[in-house]
N, C-alpha and C. Protein backbone atom coordinates (compact mmCIF):
# COMPACT_ATOMS: atom_id res chain seq x y z
N MET A 1 -51.08 32.40 46.02
CA MET A 1 -50.39 32.04 47.23
C MET A 1 -49.16 31.24 46.80
N SER A 2 -47.93 31.59 47.50
CA SER A 2 -46.70 30.99 47.09
C SER A 2 -46.22 30.13 47.87
N LEU A 3 -45.79 28.84 47.57
CA LEU A 3 -45.55 27.65 48.35
C LEU A 3 -43.94 27.73 48.34
N PRO A 4 -43.61 27.41 49.74
CA PRO A 4 -42.14 27.47 49.86
C PRO A 4 -41.63 26.16 49.14
N GLY A 5 -40.16 26.48 48.87
CA GLY A 5 -39.36 25.31 48.17
C GLY A 5 -39.06 24.23 49.03
N GLY A 6 -38.86 23.06 48.70
CA GLY A 6 -38.49 22.02 49.38
C GLY A 6 -39.17 20.59 48.89
N ASP A 7 -39.21 19.56 49.61
CA ASP A 7 -39.52 18.18 49.34
C ASP A 7 -41.20 18.19 49.61
N TYR A 8 -41.90 17.79 48.63
CA TYR A 8 -43.37 17.73 48.99
C TYR A 8 -43.56 16.04 48.74
N LEU A 9 -44.63 15.47 49.61
CA LEU A 9 -45.31 14.36 49.45
C LEU A 9 -46.55 14.67 48.66
N SER A 10 -46.82 13.85 47.60
CA SER A 10 -48.05 14.20 46.94
C SER A 10 -48.81 12.75 46.42
N ILE A 11 -49.93 12.84 46.39
CA ILE A 11 -50.67 11.72 45.69
C ILE A 11 -51.77 12.31 44.69
N HIS A 12 -52.10 11.57 43.70
CA HIS A 12 -53.28 12.01 42.94
C HIS A 12 -54.10 10.95 43.12
N SER A 13 -55.50 11.24 43.06
CA SER A 13 -56.64 10.38 43.09
C SER A 13 -57.91 10.68 42.56
N LEU A 14 -58.63 9.78 42.28
CA LEU A 14 -60.09 10.05 41.81
C LEU A 14 -61.04 9.71 42.81
N VAL A 15 -61.87 10.46 42.98
CA VAL A 15 -62.98 10.29 43.95
C VAL A 15 -64.50 10.44 43.41
N ASN A 16 -65.30 9.77 43.92
CA ASN A 16 -66.81 9.83 43.58
C ASN A 16 -67.49 10.98 43.89
N GLU A 17 -67.24 11.52 45.18
CA GLU A 17 -68.00 12.67 45.88
C GLU A 17 -66.73 13.29 46.87
N ASP A 18 -67.20 14.48 47.16
CA ASP A 18 -66.32 15.34 48.10
C ASP A 18 -66.11 14.57 49.40
N GLU A 19 -67.22 13.86 49.77
CA GLU A 19 -67.15 12.97 51.00
C GLU A 19 -66.20 11.98 50.98
N ASP A 20 -65.65 11.61 49.87
CA ASP A 20 -64.65 10.48 49.70
C ASP A 20 -63.42 11.17 50.08
N LEU A 21 -63.25 12.39 50.23
CA LEU A 21 -61.91 13.00 50.64
C LEU A 21 -61.34 12.72 51.95
N GLU A 22 -62.17 12.75 52.85
CA GLU A 22 -61.77 12.54 54.40
C GLU A 22 -61.13 11.19 54.57
N PRO A 23 -61.43 9.93 53.92
CA PRO A 23 -60.74 8.84 54.00
C PRO A 23 -59.43 8.82 53.21
N LEU A 24 -59.41 9.54 52.18
CA LEU A 24 -58.28 9.74 51.23
C LEU A 24 -57.26 10.68 52.06
N ILE A 25 -57.59 11.56 52.81
CA ILE A 25 -56.71 12.32 53.61
C ILE A 25 -56.23 11.60 54.71
N GLU A 26 -57.05 10.88 55.35
CA GLU A 26 -56.45 9.81 56.53
C GLU A 26 -55.47 8.80 55.81
N GLN A 27 -55.66 8.24 54.78
CA GLN A 27 -54.65 7.49 53.88
C GLN A 27 -53.50 8.36 53.64
N PHE A 28 -53.42 9.36 53.33
CA PHE A 28 -52.38 10.25 53.00
C PHE A 28 -51.30 10.37 54.44
N TYR A 29 -52.02 10.73 55.42
CA TYR A 29 -51.04 10.96 56.50
C TYR A 29 -50.64 9.35 57.07
N ASP A 30 -51.49 8.47 57.02
CA ASP A 30 -51.12 7.15 57.33
C ASP A 30 -49.83 6.70 56.46
N TYR A 31 -49.94 6.94 55.26
CA TYR A 31 -48.81 6.70 54.49
C TYR A 31 -47.66 7.17 54.79
N ALA A 32 -47.51 8.74 54.82
CA ALA A 32 -46.54 9.50 55.51
C ALA A 32 -45.84 8.95 56.80
N ALA A 33 -46.68 8.50 57.77
CA ALA A 33 -46.21 7.97 58.94
C ALA A 33 -45.37 6.76 58.67
N ARG A 34 -46.15 5.99 58.04
CA ARG A 34 -45.54 4.44 57.66
C ARG A 34 -44.02 4.72 56.97
N GLN A 35 -43.97 5.71 56.26
CA GLN A 35 -42.65 5.85 55.45
C GLN A 35 -41.73 6.81 55.97
N SER A 36 -42.01 7.13 57.39
CA SER A 36 -41.39 8.09 58.36
C SER A 36 -41.01 9.43 57.58
N HIS A 37 -42.05 10.01 56.89
CA HIS A 37 -42.13 11.33 56.60
C HIS A 37 -42.57 12.37 57.48
N ILE A 38 -41.85 13.39 57.57
CA ILE A 38 -42.26 14.29 58.81
C ILE A 38 -42.75 15.28 57.89
N ILE A 39 -44.10 15.57 58.12
CA ILE A 39 -44.80 16.72 57.33
C ILE A 39 -44.80 17.94 58.22
N THR A 40 -44.28 18.99 57.53
CA THR A 40 -43.78 20.31 57.99
C THR A 40 -44.72 21.42 57.73
N GLY A 41 -45.62 21.29 56.81
CA GLY A 41 -46.61 22.19 56.26
C GLY A 41 -47.92 21.77 56.21
N PRO A 42 -48.76 22.78 55.93
CA PRO A 42 -50.22 22.33 55.79
C PRO A 42 -50.59 21.30 54.63
N LEU A 43 -51.61 20.64 54.86
CA LEU A 43 -52.19 19.93 53.59
C LEU A 43 -52.69 20.75 52.45
N ILE A 44 -52.30 20.60 51.54
CA ILE A 44 -52.84 21.37 50.16
C ILE A 44 -53.59 20.45 49.39
N LEU A 45 -54.82 20.67 49.24
CA LEU A 45 -55.85 19.99 48.51
C LEU A 45 -56.16 20.72 47.09
N VAL A 46 -55.72 20.10 45.94
CA VAL A 46 -56.05 20.88 44.61
C VAL A 46 -56.88 19.79 43.70
N GLU A 47 -57.84 20.61 43.41
CA GLU A 47 -58.93 20.00 42.37
C GLU A 47 -58.40 19.94 41.14
N LYS A 48 -58.30 18.97 40.31
CA LYS A 48 -57.85 18.97 39.22
C LYS A 48 -59.13 19.04 38.03
N SER A 49 -59.77 20.23 38.21
CA SER A 49 -61.02 20.32 37.54
C SER A 49 -60.88 19.95 35.86
N TYR A 50 -59.90 20.32 35.45
CA TYR A 50 -59.83 20.06 33.86
C TYR A 50 -59.73 18.65 33.49
N LEU A 51 -58.98 17.92 34.45
CA LEU A 51 -58.91 16.36 34.39
C LEU A 51 -60.33 15.72 34.60
N SER A 52 -61.02 16.24 35.51
CA SER A 52 -62.46 15.85 35.98
C SER A 52 -63.45 16.12 34.77
N LEU A 53 -63.04 16.89 33.90
CA LEU A 53 -64.03 16.91 32.71
C LEU A 53 -63.87 15.58 31.87
N PHE A 54 -62.99 14.86 31.97
CA PHE A 54 -62.56 13.60 30.93
C PHE A 54 -63.08 12.45 31.89
N SER A 55 -63.40 12.43 33.07
CA SER A 55 -63.77 11.22 33.84
C SER A 55 -65.24 11.30 34.39
N GLU A 56 -66.06 10.56 33.79
CA GLU A 56 -67.38 10.46 33.88
C GLU A 56 -67.79 10.37 35.58
N ASN A 57 -68.39 11.22 36.27
CA ASN A 57 -68.70 10.89 37.50
C ASN A 57 -67.56 10.83 38.67
N LYS A 58 -66.41 11.08 38.26
CA LYS A 58 -65.22 11.21 39.17
C LYS A 58 -64.53 12.77 39.07
N LEU A 59 -64.06 12.94 40.48
CA LEU A 59 -63.29 14.05 40.57
C LEU A 59 -61.75 13.84 40.73
N HIS A 60 -60.98 14.51 40.14
CA HIS A 60 -59.69 14.34 40.12
C HIS A 60 -58.99 15.35 41.25
N TYR A 61 -58.17 14.75 42.36
CA TYR A 61 -57.76 15.48 43.38
C TYR A 61 -56.07 15.13 43.58
N GLU A 62 -55.61 16.28 44.05
CA GLU A 62 -54.17 16.07 44.42
C GLU A 62 -53.93 16.58 45.76
N LEU A 63 -53.44 15.60 46.53
CA LEU A 63 -53.03 16.08 48.00
C LEU A 63 -51.54 16.23 48.00
N GLN A 64 -50.98 17.21 48.73
CA GLN A 64 -49.56 17.58 48.96
C GLN A 64 -49.26 18.10 50.49
N ALA A 65 -48.15 17.88 50.76
CA ALA A 65 -47.85 18.47 51.93
C ALA A 65 -46.25 18.57 51.94
N LEU A 66 -45.73 19.69 52.40
CA LEU A 66 -44.25 19.69 52.49
C LEU A 66 -43.67 18.93 53.71
N ILE A 67 -42.46 18.18 53.30
CA ILE A 67 -42.10 17.29 54.35
C ILE A 67 -40.62 17.73 54.65
N GLU A 68 -39.95 17.10 55.75
CA GLU A 68 -38.62 17.19 55.93
C GLU A 68 -37.81 16.66 55.09
N PRO A 69 -36.65 17.38 54.53
CA PRO A 69 -35.68 16.72 53.67
C PRO A 69 -35.29 15.40 54.25
N ALA A 70 -35.38 14.29 53.30
CA ALA A 70 -34.91 12.96 53.64
C ALA A 70 -33.66 12.97 54.61
N ALA A 71 -32.66 13.58 54.19
CA ALA A 71 -31.42 13.55 55.02
C ALA A 71 -31.69 13.83 56.53
N LYS A 72 -32.34 15.06 56.61
CA LYS A 72 -32.74 15.55 58.04
C LYS A 72 -33.61 14.57 58.74
N SER A 73 -34.54 14.01 58.10
CA SER A 73 -35.42 13.04 58.76
C SER A 73 -34.93 11.87 59.18
N GLU A 74 -33.79 11.45 58.34
CA GLU A 74 -33.06 9.99 58.73
C GLU A 74 -32.23 10.24 59.88
N ARG A 75 -31.52 11.48 60.01
CA ARG A 75 -30.90 11.77 61.19
C ARG A 75 -31.52 12.02 62.59
N ARG A 76 -32.89 12.36 62.50
CA ARG A 76 -33.71 12.40 63.59
C ARG A 76 -34.11 10.98 64.00
N HIS A 77 -34.26 9.94 63.03
CA HIS A 77 -34.43 8.63 63.27
C HIS A 77 -33.40 7.79 63.65
N GLY A 78 -32.15 8.41 63.61
CA GLY A 78 -31.03 7.52 63.93
C GLY A 78 -30.67 6.55 62.82
N THR A 79 -30.95 7.08 61.62
CA THR A 79 -30.63 5.94 60.48
C THR A 79 -29.34 6.45 59.77
C-alpha cells in the first residue's frame, strides 16, 4: 500500500492487550480535535512487532492519520 504524501499526525504507544487500542484511538482523535487538526485520511494502525519483542507483555503500536496542512487548517479557522 502506498500512502499519499503530506502531513501526518502520529503517536507511538505501548499497550498490554489489543483491547487497549480502542481508548488509545479515542485519545488520538481527541488530541487531534483539541489541536485543531483536520484529519483527511483513514486511521493507520501499525504494530511495531520488532519492538514488542523487547517489551515483556507489552505491544508497541503507532497510530497515524493524514491531516490538512497547517496553513490551510489555520485559514479555515480564521487564524
